[in-house]
Structures are given as structure tokens and as C-alpha cells.
Amino acid sequence: VISNGKVSMDFADCRDQICVNHKEISKTNESIICLPN
């Protein structure tokens, strides 16, 4: 989901949900990673 200039992972079907619980990102070179997928 991209909203108000920030990116977040709203849903993932993996067990650990680390990517879903990650904070929104908007700065250059910040990342959200879902390893299982």
C-alpha cells in the first residue's frame, strides 16, 4: 500500500508477519523485505 507518500506491506500470507509489522518507509534506500515470499 502506498498512501501519503509512504509505503507499507499491508498483507502477507507468511507465518512470521515481520514485513507486515514493519514501519512505513519513505526515505531513499529503505526497504521492507518478505523473505518467505
PDB file of all heavy atoms in Angstrom:
ATOM      1  N   VAL A   1       0.846  -1.192   0.000  1.00  0.00           N
ATOM      2  CA  VAL A   1       0.000   0.000   0.000  1.00  0.00           C
ATOM      3  C   VAL A   1       0.877   1.236   0.000  1.00  0.00           C
ATOM      4  O   VAL A   1       1.795   1.362   0.817  1.00  0.00           O
ATOM      5  CB  VAL A   1      -0.933   0.008   1.236  1.00  0.00           C
ATOM      6  CG1 VAL A   1      -1.737   1.291   1.293  1.00  0.00           C
ATOM      7  CG2 VAL A   1      -1.845  -1.204   1.230  1.00  0.00           C
ATOM      8  N   ILE A   2       0.576   2.157  -0.921  1.00  0.00           N
ATOM      9  CA  ILE A   2       1.229   3.463  -0.949  1.00  0.00           C
ATOM     10  C   ILE A   2       0.167   4.480  -0.570  1.00  0.00           C
ATOM     11  O   ILE A   2      -0.883   4.572  -1.221  1.00  0.00           O
ATOM     12  CB  ILE A   2       1.816   3.782  -2.329  1.00  0.00           C
ATOM     13  CG1 ILE A   2       2.879   2.747  -2.693  1.00  0.00           C
ATOM     14  CG2 ILE A   2       2.396   5.196  -2.346  1.00  0.00           C
ATOM     15  CD1 ILE A   2       3.435   2.909  -4.086  1.00  0.00           C
ATOM     16  N   SER A   3       0.441   5.224   0.499  1.00  0.00           N
ATOM     17  CA  SER A   3      -0.506   6.217   0.980  1.00  0.00           C
ATOM     18  C   SER A   3       0.253   7.379   1.605  1.00  0.00           C
ATOM     19  O   SER A   3       1.167   7.172   2.410  1.00  0.00           O
ATOM     20  CB  SER A   3      -1.439   5.584   2.018  1.00  0.00           C
ATOM     21  OG  SER A   3      -2.334   6.528   2.524  1.00  0.00           O
ATOM     22  N   ASN A   4      -0.101   8.588   1.219  1.00  0.00           N
ATOM     23  CA  ASN A   4       0.527   9.811   1.742  1.00  0.00           C
ATOM     24  C   ASN A   4       2.041   9.812   1.564  1.00  0.00           C
ATOM     25  O   ASN A   4       2.777  10.254   2.443  1.00  0.00           O
ATOM     26  CB  ASN A   4       0.165  10.021   3.210  1.00  0.00           C
ATOM     27  CG  ASN A   4      -1.316  10.188   3.416  1.00  0.00           C
ATOM     28  OD1 ASN A   4      -1.990  10.813   2.602  1.00  0.00           O
ATOM     29  ND2 ASN A   4      -1.831   9.619   4.487  1.00  0.00           N
ATOM     30  N   GLY A   5       2.528   9.260   0.454  1.00  0.00           N
ATOM     31  CA  GLY A   5       3.955   9.265   0.162  1.00  0.00           C
ATOM     32  C   GLY A   5       4.759   8.232   0.933  1.00  0.00           C
ATOM     33  O   GLY A   5       5.979   8.283   0.940  1.00  0.00           O
ATOM     34  N   LYS A   6       4.080   7.278   1.585  1.00  0.00           N
ATOM     35  CA  LYS A   6       4.765   6.232   2.351  1.00  0.00           C
ATOM     36  C   LYS A   6       4.306   4.859   1.885  1.00  0.00           C
ATOM     37  O   LYS A   6       3.173   4.692   1.441  1.00  0.00           O
ATOM     38  CB  LYS A   6       4.492   6.398   3.842  1.00  0.00           C
ATOM     39  CG  LYS A   6       5.060   7.693   4.399  1.00  0.00           C
ATOM     40  CD  LYS A   6       4.851   7.796   5.879  1.00  0.00           C
ATOM     41  CE  LYS A   6       5.464   9.109   6.372  1.00  0.00           C
ATOM     42  NZ  LYS A   6       5.463   9.196   7.803  1.00  0.00           N
ATOM     43  N   VAL A   7       5.201   3.888   2.010  1.00  0.00           N
ATOM     44  CA  VAL A   7       4.922   2.526   1.558  1.00  0.00           C
ATOM     45  C   VAL A   7       4.856   1.606   2.766  1.00  0.00           C
ATOM     46  O   VAL A   7       5.669   1.698   3.683  1.00  0.00           O
ATOM     47  CB  VAL A   7       6.046   2.023   0.623  1.00  0.00           C
ATOM     48  CG1 VAL A   7       5.726   0.645   0.076  1.00  0.00           C
ATOM     49  CG2 VAL A   7       6.308   2.991  -0.489  1.00  0.00           C
ATOM     50  N   SER A   8       3.895   0.694   2.733  1.00  0.00           N
ATOM     51  CA  SER A   8       3.809  -0.321   3.783  1.00  0.00           C
ATOM     52  C   SER A   8       3.355  -1.636   3.159  1.00  0.00           C
ATOM     53  O   SER A   8       2.774  -1.661   2.075  1.00  0.00           O
ATOM     54  CB  SER A   8       2.833   0.095   4.887  1.00  0.00           C
ATOM     55  OG  SER A   8       1.527   0.203   4.365  1.00  0.00           O
ATOM     56  N   MET A   9       3.646  -2.716   3.851  1.00  0.00           N
ATOM     57  CA  MET A   9       3.174  -4.041   3.446  1.00  0.00           C
ATOM     58  C   MET A   9       1.928  -4.298   4.283  1.00  0.00           C
ATOM     59  O   MET A   9       2.003  -4.478   5.493  1.00  0.00           O
ATOM     60  CB  MET A   9       4.252  -5.095   3.718  1.00  0.00           C
ATOM     61  CG  MET A   9       3.918  -6.468   3.223  1.00  0.00           C
ATOM     62  SD  MET A   9       4.314  -6.764   1.495  1.00  0.00           S
ATOM     63  CE  MET A   9       6.088  -6.621   1.481  1.00  0.00           C
ATOM     64  N   ASP A  10       0.780  -4.299   3.622  1.00  0.00           N
ATOM     65  CA  ASP A  10      -0.499  -4.412   4.327  1.00  0.00           C
ATOM     66  C   ASP A  10      -0.892  -5.861   4.601  1.00  0.00           C
ATOM     67  O   ASP A  10      -1.587  -6.144   5.571  1.00  0.00           O
ATOM     68  CB  ASP A  10      -1.581  -3.716   3.501  1.00  0.00           C
ATOM     69  CG  ASP A  10      -2.859  -3.512   4.265  1.00  0.00           C
ATOM     70  OD1 ASP A  10      -2.773  -3.026   5.404  1.00  0.00           O
ATOM     71  OD2 ASP A  10      -3.930  -3.849   3.718  1.00  0.00           O
ATOM     72  N   PHE A  11      -0.445  -6.776   3.737  1.00  0.00           N
ATOM     73  CA  PHE A  11      -0.814  -8.176   3.889  1.00  0.00           C
ATOM     74  C   PHE A  11       0.309  -9.054   3.361  1.00  0.00           C
ATOM     75  O   PHE A  11       0.949  -8.743   2.362  1.00  0.00           O
ATOM     76  CB  PHE A  11      -2.101  -8.482   3.106  1.00  0.00           C
ATOM     77  CG  PHE A  11      -2.411  -9.946   2.988  1.00  0.00           C
ATOM     78  CD1 PHE A  11      -2.984 -10.627   4.041  1.00  0.00           C
ATOM     79  CD2 PHE A  11      -2.097 -10.655   1.835  1.00  0.00           C
ATOM     80  CE1 PHE A  11      -3.259 -11.987   3.944  1.00  0.00           C
ATOM     81  CE2 PHE A  11      -2.364 -11.998   1.731  1.00  0.00           C
ATOM     82  CZ  PHE A  11      -2.952 -12.670   2.786  1.00  0.00           C
ATOM     83  N   ALA A  12       0.544 -10.157   4.053  1.00  0.00           N
ATOM     84  CA  ALA A  12       1.452 -11.200   3.580  1.00  0.00           C
ATOM     85  C   ALA A  12       0.936 -12.524   4.110  1.00  0.00           C
ATOM     86  O   ALA A  12       0.463 -12.609   5.240  1.00  0.00           O
ATOM     87  CB  ALA A  12       2.882 -10.948   4.055  1.00  0.00           C
ATOM     88  N   ASP A  13       1.017 -13.562   3.284  1.00  0.00           N
ATOM     89  CA  ASP A  13       0.500 -14.858   3.722  1.00  0.00           C
ATOM     90  C   ASP A  13       1.544 -15.708   4.449  1.00  0.00           C
ATOM     91  O   ASP A  13       1.316 -16.877   4.709  1.00  0.00           O
ATOM     92  CB  ASP A  13      -0.093 -15.628   2.543  1.00  0.00           C
ATOM     93  CG  ASP A  13       0.941 -16.017   1.510  1.00  0.00           C
ATOM     94  OD1 ASP A  13       2.119 -15.617   1.638  1.00  0.00           O
ATOM     95  OD2 ASP A  13       0.580 -16.727   0.548  1.00  0.00           O
ATOM     96  N   CYS A  14       2.662 -15.111   4.823  1.00  0.00           N
ATOM     97  CA  CYS A  14       3.700 -15.840   5.552  1.00  0.00           C
ATOM     98  C   CYS A  14       3.371 -15.891   7.048  1.00  0.00           C
ATOM     99  O   CYS A  14       2.551 -15.125   7.538  1.00  0.00           O
ATOM    100  CB  CYS A  14       5.072 -15.210   5.317  1.00  0.00           C
ATOM    101  SG  CYS A  14       5.157 -13.472   5.722  1.00  0.00           S
ATOM    102  N   ARG A  15       4.027 -16.805   7.760  1.00  0.00           N
ATOM    103  CA  ARG A  15       3.729 -17.012   9.182  1.00  0.00           C
ATOM    104  C   ARG A  15       4.254 -15.917  10.088  1.00  0.00           C
ATOM    105  O   ARG A  15       3.583 -15.501  11.026  1.00  0.00           O
ATOM    106  CB  ARG A  15       4.312 -18.346   9.660  1.00  0.00           C
ATOM    107  CG  ARG A  15       3.538 -19.542   9.221  1.00  0.00           C
ATOM    108  CD  ARG A  15       4.064 -20.798   9.866  1.00  0.00           C
ATOM    109  NE  ARG A  15       5.472 -20.978   9.504  1.00  0.00           N
ATOM    110  CZ  ARG A  15       6.337 -21.700  10.176  1.00  0.00           C
ATOM    111  NH1 ARG A  15       5.962 -22.325  11.254  1.00  0.00           N
ATOM    112  NH2 ARG A  15       7.578 -21.814   9.785  1.00  0.00           N
ATOM    113  N   ASP A  16       5.469 -15.442   9.826  1.00  0.00           N
ATOM    114  CA  ASP A  16       6.112 -14.555  10.799  1.00  0.00           C
ATOM    115  C   ASP A  16       5.575 -13.126  10.804  1.00  0.00           C
ATOM    116  O   ASP A  16       5.647 -12.448  11.818  1.00  0.00           O
ATOM    117  CB  ASP A  16       7.625 -14.552  10.626  1.00  0.00           C
ATOM    118  CG  ASP A  16       8.063 -14.164   9.233  1.00  0.00           C
ATOM    119  OD1 ASP A  16       7.247 -13.613   8.460  1.00  0.00           O
ATOM    120  OD2 ASP A  16       9.242 -14.402   8.909  1.00  0.00           O
ATOM    121  N   GLN A  17       5.052 -12.634   9.688  1.00  0.00           N
ATOM    122  CA  GLN A  17       4.438 -11.305   9.580  1.00  0.00           C
ATOM    123  C   GLN A  17       5.389 -10.145   9.928  1.00  0.00           C
ATOM    124  O   GLN A  17       4.938  -9.060  10.290  1.00  0.00           O
ATOM    125  CB  GLN A  17       3.179 -11.215  10.455  1.00  0.00           C
ATOM    126  CG  GLN A  17       2.080 -12.175  10.050  1.00  0.00           C
ATOM    127  CD  GLN A  17       1.452 -11.802   8.727  1.00  0.00           C
ATOM    128  OE1 GLN A  17       0.880 -10.738   8.611  1.00  0.00           O
ATOM    129  NE2 GLN A  17       1.578 -12.662   7.730  1.00  0.00           N
ATOM    130  N   ILE A  18       6.686 -10.372   9.795  1.00  0.00           N
ATOM    131  CA  ILE A  18       7.655  -9.308  10.081  1.00  0.00           C
ATOM    132  C   ILE A  18       7.487  -8.158   9.094  1.00  0.00           C
ATOM    133  O   ILE A  18       7.503  -6.995   9.474  1.00  0.00           O
ATOM    134  CB  ILE A  18       9.099  -9.859  10.053  1.00  0.00           C
ATOM    135  CG1 ILE A  18       9.296 -10.810  11.223  1.00  0.00           C
ATOM    136  CG2 ILE A  18      10.119  -8.719  10.098  1.00  0.00           C
ATOM    137  CD1 ILE A  18      10.613 -11.555  11.198  1.00  0.00           C
ATOM    138  N   CYS A  19       7.272  -8.475   7.839  1.00  0.00           N
ATOM    139  CA  CYS A  19       7.125  -7.424   6.830  1.00  0.00           C
ATOM    140  C   CYS A  19       5.850  -6.607   7.054  1.00  0.00           C
ATOM    141  O   CYS A  19       5.838  -5.395   6.819  1.00  0.00           O
ATOM    142  CB  CYS A  19       7.136  -8.021   5.426  1.00  0.00           C
ATOM    143  SG  CYS A  19       5.893  -9.297   5.146  1.00  0.00           S
ATOM    144  N   VAL A  20       4.790  -7.232   7.513  1.00  0.00           N
ATOM    145  CA  VAL A  20       3.538  -6.526   7.772  1.00  0.00           C
ATOM    146  C   VAL A  20       3.684  -5.605   8.987  1.00  0.00           C
ATOM    147  O   VAL A  20       3.118  -4.507   9.021  1.00  0.00           O
ATOM    148  CB  VAL A  20       2.381  -7.521   7.981  1.00  0.00           C
ATOM    149  CG1 VAL A  20       1.105  -6.812   8.378  1.00  0.00           C
ATOM    150  CG2 VAL A  20       2.165  -8.349   6.723  1.00  0.00           C
ATOM    151  N   ASN A  21       4.461  -6.021   9.962  1.00  0.00           N
ATOM    152  CA  ASN A  21       4.664  -5.223  11.179  1.00  0.00           C
ATOM    153  C   ASN A  21       5.756  -4.166  11.028  1.00  0.00           C
ATOM    154  O   ASN A  21       5.982  -3.381  11.950  1.00  0.00           O
ATOM    155  CB  ASN A  21       4.988  -6.136  12.360  1.00  0.00           C
ATOM    156  CG  ASN A  21       3.818  -7.034  12.706  1.00  0.00           C
ATOM    157  OD1 ASN A  21       2.666  -6.621  12.647  1.00  0.00           O
ATOM    158  ND2 ASN A  21       4.107  -8.274  13.050  1.00  0.00           N
ATOM    159  N   HIS A  22       6.440  -4.135   9.886  1.00  0.00           N
ATOM    160  CA  HIS A  22       7.491  -3.154   9.638  1.00  0.00           C
ATOM    161  C   HIS A  22       6.875  -1.769   9.510  1.00  0.00           C
ATOM    162  O   HIS A  22       5.766  -1.606   9.019  1.00  0.00           O
ATOM    163  CB  HIS A  22       8.228  -3.525   8.346  1.00  0.00           C
ATOM    164  CG  HIS A  22       9.523  -2.822   8.152  1.00  0.00           C
ATOM    165  ND1 HIS A  22       9.603  -1.515   7.736  1.00  0.00           N
ATOM    166  CD2 HIS A  22      10.795  -3.239   8.315  1.00  0.00           C
ATOM    167  CE1 HIS A  22      10.874  -1.167   7.641  1.00  0.00           C
ATOM    168  NE2 HIS A  22      11.617  -2.198   7.995  1.00  0.00           N
ATOM    169  N   LYS A  23       7.600  -0.753   9.936  1.00  0.00           N
ATOM    170  CA  LYS A  23       7.103   0.618   9.839  1.00  0.00           C
ATOM    171  C   LYS A  23       7.013   1.040   8.375  1.00  0.00           C
ATOM    172  O   LYS A  23       7.651   0.463   7.501  1.00  0.00           O
ATOM    173  CB  LYS A  23       8.006   1.570  10.612  1.00  0.00           C
ATOM    174  CG  LYS A  23       9.373   1.793   9.974  1.00  0.00           C
ATOM    175  CD  LYS A  23      10.170   2.824  10.740  1.00  0.00           C
ATOM    176  CE  LYS A  23      11.482   3.113  10.072  1.00  0.00           C
ATOM    177  NZ  LYS A  23      11.381   3.942   8.881  1.00  0.00           N
ATOM    178  N   GLU A  24       6.219   2.057   8.122  1.00  0.00           N
ATOM    179  CA  GLU A  24       6.123   2.614   6.782  1.00  0.00           C
ATOM    180  C   GLU A  24       7.481   3.187   6.373  1.00  0.00           C
ATOM    181  O   GLU A  24       8.223   3.688   7.204  1.00  0.00           O
ATOM    182  CB  GLU A  24       5.077   3.724   6.738  1.00  0.00           C
ATOM    183  CG  GLU A  24       3.678   3.264   6.998  1.00  0.00           C
ATOM    184  CD  GLU A  24       2.703   4.422   7.008  1.00  0.00           C
ATOM    185  OE1 GLU A  24       3.053   5.505   7.540  1.00  0.00           O
ATOM    186  OE2 GLU A  24       1.597   4.247   6.486  1.00  0.00           O
ATOM    187  N   ILE A  25       7.777   3.141   5.082  1.00  0.00           N
ATOM    188  CA  ILE A  25       9.045   3.667   4.594  1.00  0.00           C
ATOM    189  C   ILE A  25       8.784   4.764   3.568  1.00  0.00           C
ATOM    190  O   ILE A  25       7.789   4.734   2.843  1.00  0.00           O
ATOM    191  CB  ILE A  25       9.942   2.557   4.003  1.00  0.00           C
ATOM    192  CG1 ILE A  25       9.255   1.840   2.842  1.00  0.00           C
ATOM    193  CG2 ILE A  25      10.355   1.574   5.087  1.00  0.00           C
ATOM    194  CD1 ILE A  25      10.135   0.835   2.122  1.00  0.00           C
ATOM    195  N   SER A  26       9.701   5.733   3.509  1.00  0.00           N
ATOM    196  CA  SER A  26       9.596   6.813   2.518  1.00  0.00           C
ATOM    197  C   SER A  26      10.952   7.403   2.145  1.00  0.00           C
ATOM    198  O   SER A  26      11.042   8.192   1.224  1.00  0.00           O
ATOM    199  CB  SER A  26       8.698   7.931   3.041  1.00  0.00           C
ATOM    200  OG  SER A  26       9.279   8.527   4.184  1.00  0.00           O
ATOM    201  N   LYS A  27      11.989   7.040   2.848  1.00  0.00           N
ATOM    202  CA  LYS A  27      13.327   7.584   2.605  1.00  0.00           C
ATOM    203  C   LYS A  27      14.078   6.710   1.605  1.00  0.00           C
ATOM    204  O   LYS A  27      13.896   5.494   1.552  1.00  0.00           O
ATOM    205  CB  LYS A  27      14.134   7.657   3.902  1.00  0.00           C
ATOM    206  CG  LYS A  27      13.459   8.415   5.017  1.00  0.00           C
ATOM    207  CD  LYS A  27      13.485   9.879   4.775  1.00  0.00           C
ATOM    208  CE  LYS A  27      12.902  10.595   5.993  1.00  0.00           C
ATOM    209  NZ  LYS A  27      12.595  11.960   5.717  1.00  0.00           N
ATOM    210  N   THR A  28      14.952   7.328   0.827  1.00  0.00           N
ATOM    211  CA  THR A  28      15.737   6.614  -0.168  1.00  0.00           C
ATOM    212  C   THR A  28      16.521   5.470   0.474  1.00  0.00           C
ATOM    213  O   THR A  28      17.124   5.627   1.530  1.00  0.00           O
ATOM    214  CB  THR A  28      16.713   7.583  -0.863  1.00  0.00           C
ATOM    215  OG1 THR A  28      15.968   8.642  -1.435  1.00  0.00           O
ATOM    216  CG2 THR A  28      17.518   6.882  -1.949  1.00  0.00           C
ATOM    217  N   ASN A  29      16.481   4.310  -0.164  1.00  0.00           N
ATOM    218  CA  ASN A  29      17.183   3.082   0.215  1.00  0.00           C
ATOM    219  C   ASN A  29      16.586   2.354   1.418  1.00  0.00           C
ATOM    220  O   ASN A  29      17.170   1.382   1.881  1.00  0.00           O
ATOM    221  CB  ASN A  29      18.683   3.314   0.433  1.00  0.00           C
ATOM    222  CG  ASN A  29      19.374   3.730  -0.845  1.00  0.00           C
ATOM    223  OD1 ASN A  29      19.010   3.274  -1.930  1.00  0.00           O
ATOM    224  ND2 ASN A  29      20.340   4.608  -0.747  1.00  0.00           N
ATOM    225  N   GLU A  30      15.449   2.787   1.944  1.00  0.00           N
ATOM    226  CA  GLU A  30      14.768   1.998   2.968  1.00  0.00           C
ATOM    227  C   GLU A  30      14.058   0.834   2.278  1.00  0.00           C
ATOM    228  O   GLU A  30      13.617   0.956   1.140  1.00  0.00           O
ATOM    229  CB  GLU A  30      13.741   2.843   3.723  1.00  0.00           C
ATOM    230  CG  GLU A  30      14.331   3.845   4.666  1.00  0.00           C
ATOM    231  CD  GLU A  30      13.261   4.600   5.453  1.00  0.00           C
ATOM    232  OE1 GLU A  30      12.203   4.908   4.892  1.00  0.00           O
ATOM    233  OE2 GLU A  30      13.517   4.875   6.645  1.00  0.00           O
ATOM    234  N   SER A  31      13.945  -0.287   2.988  1.00  0.00           N
ATOM    235  CA  SER A  31      13.350  -1.479   2.389  1.00  0.00           C
ATOM    236  C   SER A  31      12.424  -2.189   3.359  1.00  0.00           C
ATOM    237  O   SER A  31      12.612  -2.128   4.571  1.00  0.00           O
ATOM    238  CB  SER A  31      14.439  -2.480   1.977  1.00  0.00           C
ATOM    239  OG  SER A  31      15.277  -1.938   1.006  1.00  0.00           O
ATOM    240  N   ILE A  32      11.452  -2.890   2.789  1.00  0.00           N
ATOM    241  CA  ILE A  32      10.636  -3.860   3.507  1.00  0.00           C
ATOM    242  C   ILE A  32      10.841  -5.172   2.764  1.00  0.00           C
ATOM    243  O   ILE A  32      10.685  -5.236   1.542  1.00  0.00           O
ATOM    244  CB  ILE A  32       9.143  -3.475   3.504  1.00  0.00           C
ATOM    245  CG1 ILE A  32       8.927  -2.145   4.210  1.00  0.00           C
ATOM    246  CG2 ILE A  32       8.323  -4.573   4.175  1.00  0.00           C
ATOM    247  CD1 ILE A  32       7.494  -1.632   4.134  1.00  0.00           C
ATOM    248  N   ILE A  33      11.190  -6.212   3.505  1.00  0.00           N
ATOM    249  CA  ILE A  33      11.528  -7.486   2.881  1.00  0.00           C
ATOM    250  C   ILE A  33      10.659  -8.590   3.458  1.00  0.00           C
ATOM    251  O   ILE A  33      10.542  -8.737   4.670  1.00  0.00           O
ATOM    252  CB  ILE A  33      13.022  -7.821   3.111  1.00  0.00           C
ATOM    253  CG1 ILE A  33      13.885  -6.709   2.524  1.00  0.00           C
ATOM    254  CG2 ILE A  33      13.368  -9.174   2.522  1.00  0.00           C
ATOM    255  CD1 ILE A  33      15.341  -6.797   2.879  1.00  0.00           C
ATOM    256  N   CYS A  34      10.064  -9.371   2.566  1.00  0.00           N
ATOM    257  CA  CYS A  34       9.322 -10.566   2.951  1.00  0.00           C
ATOM    258  C   CYS A  34      10.134 -11.759   2.454  1.00  0.00           C
ATOM    259  O   CYS A  34      10.072 -12.119   1.274  1.00  0.00           O
ATOM    260  CB  CYS A  34       7.921 -10.560   2.332  1.00  0.00           C
ATOM    261  SG  CYS A  34       6.934 -11.994   2.789  1.00  0.00           S
ATOM    262  N   LEU A  35      10.912 -12.354   3.343  1.00  0.00           N
ATOM    263  CA  LEU A  35      11.792 -13.448   2.940  1.00  0.00           C
ATOM    264  C   LEU A  35      11.049 -14.689   2.451  1.00  0.00           C
ATOM    265  O   LEU A  35      11.433 -15.267   1.429  1.00  0.00           O
ATOM    266  CB  LEU A  35      12.734 -13.822   4.095  1.00  0.00           C
ATOM    267  CG  LEU A  35      13.919 -12.892   4.305  1.00  0.00           C
ATOM    268  CD1 LEU A  35      14.718 -13.325   5.525  1.00  0.00           C
ATOM    269  CD2 LEU A  35      14.794 -12.846   3.093  1.00  0.00           C
ATOM    270  N   PRO A  36       9.994 -15.147   3.130  1.00  0.00           N
ATOM    271  CA  PRO A  36       9.330 -16.358   2.649  1.00  0.00           C
ATOM    272  C   PRO A  36       8.793 -16.232   1.220  1.00  0.00           C
ATOM    273  O   PRO A  36       8.848 -17.180   0.447  1.00  0.00           O
ATOM    274  CB  PRO A  36       8.193 -16.574   3.648  1.00  0.00           C
ATOM    275  CG  PRO A  36       8.629 -15.862   4.882  1.00  0.00           C
ATOM    276  CD  PRO A  36       9.422 -14.689   4.398  1.00  0.00           C
ATOM    277  N   ASN A  37       8.304 -15.038   0.866  1.00  0.00           N
ATOM    278  CA  ASN A  37       7.745 -14.840  -0.467  1.00  0.00           C
ATOM    279  C   ASN A  37       8.727 -14.213  -1.446  1.00  0.00           C
ATOM    280  O   ASN A  37       8.382 -13.962  -2.599  1.00  0.00           O
ATOM    281  CB  ASN A  37       6.476 -13.977  -0.378  1.00  0.00           C
ATOM    282  CG  ASN A  37       5.379 -14.683   0.358  1.00  0.00           C
ATOM    283  OD1 ASN A  37       5.287 -15.902   0.356  1.00  0.00           O
ATOM    284  ND2 ASN A  37       4.522 -13.919   1.018  1.00  0.00           N
TER     285      ASN A  37
END
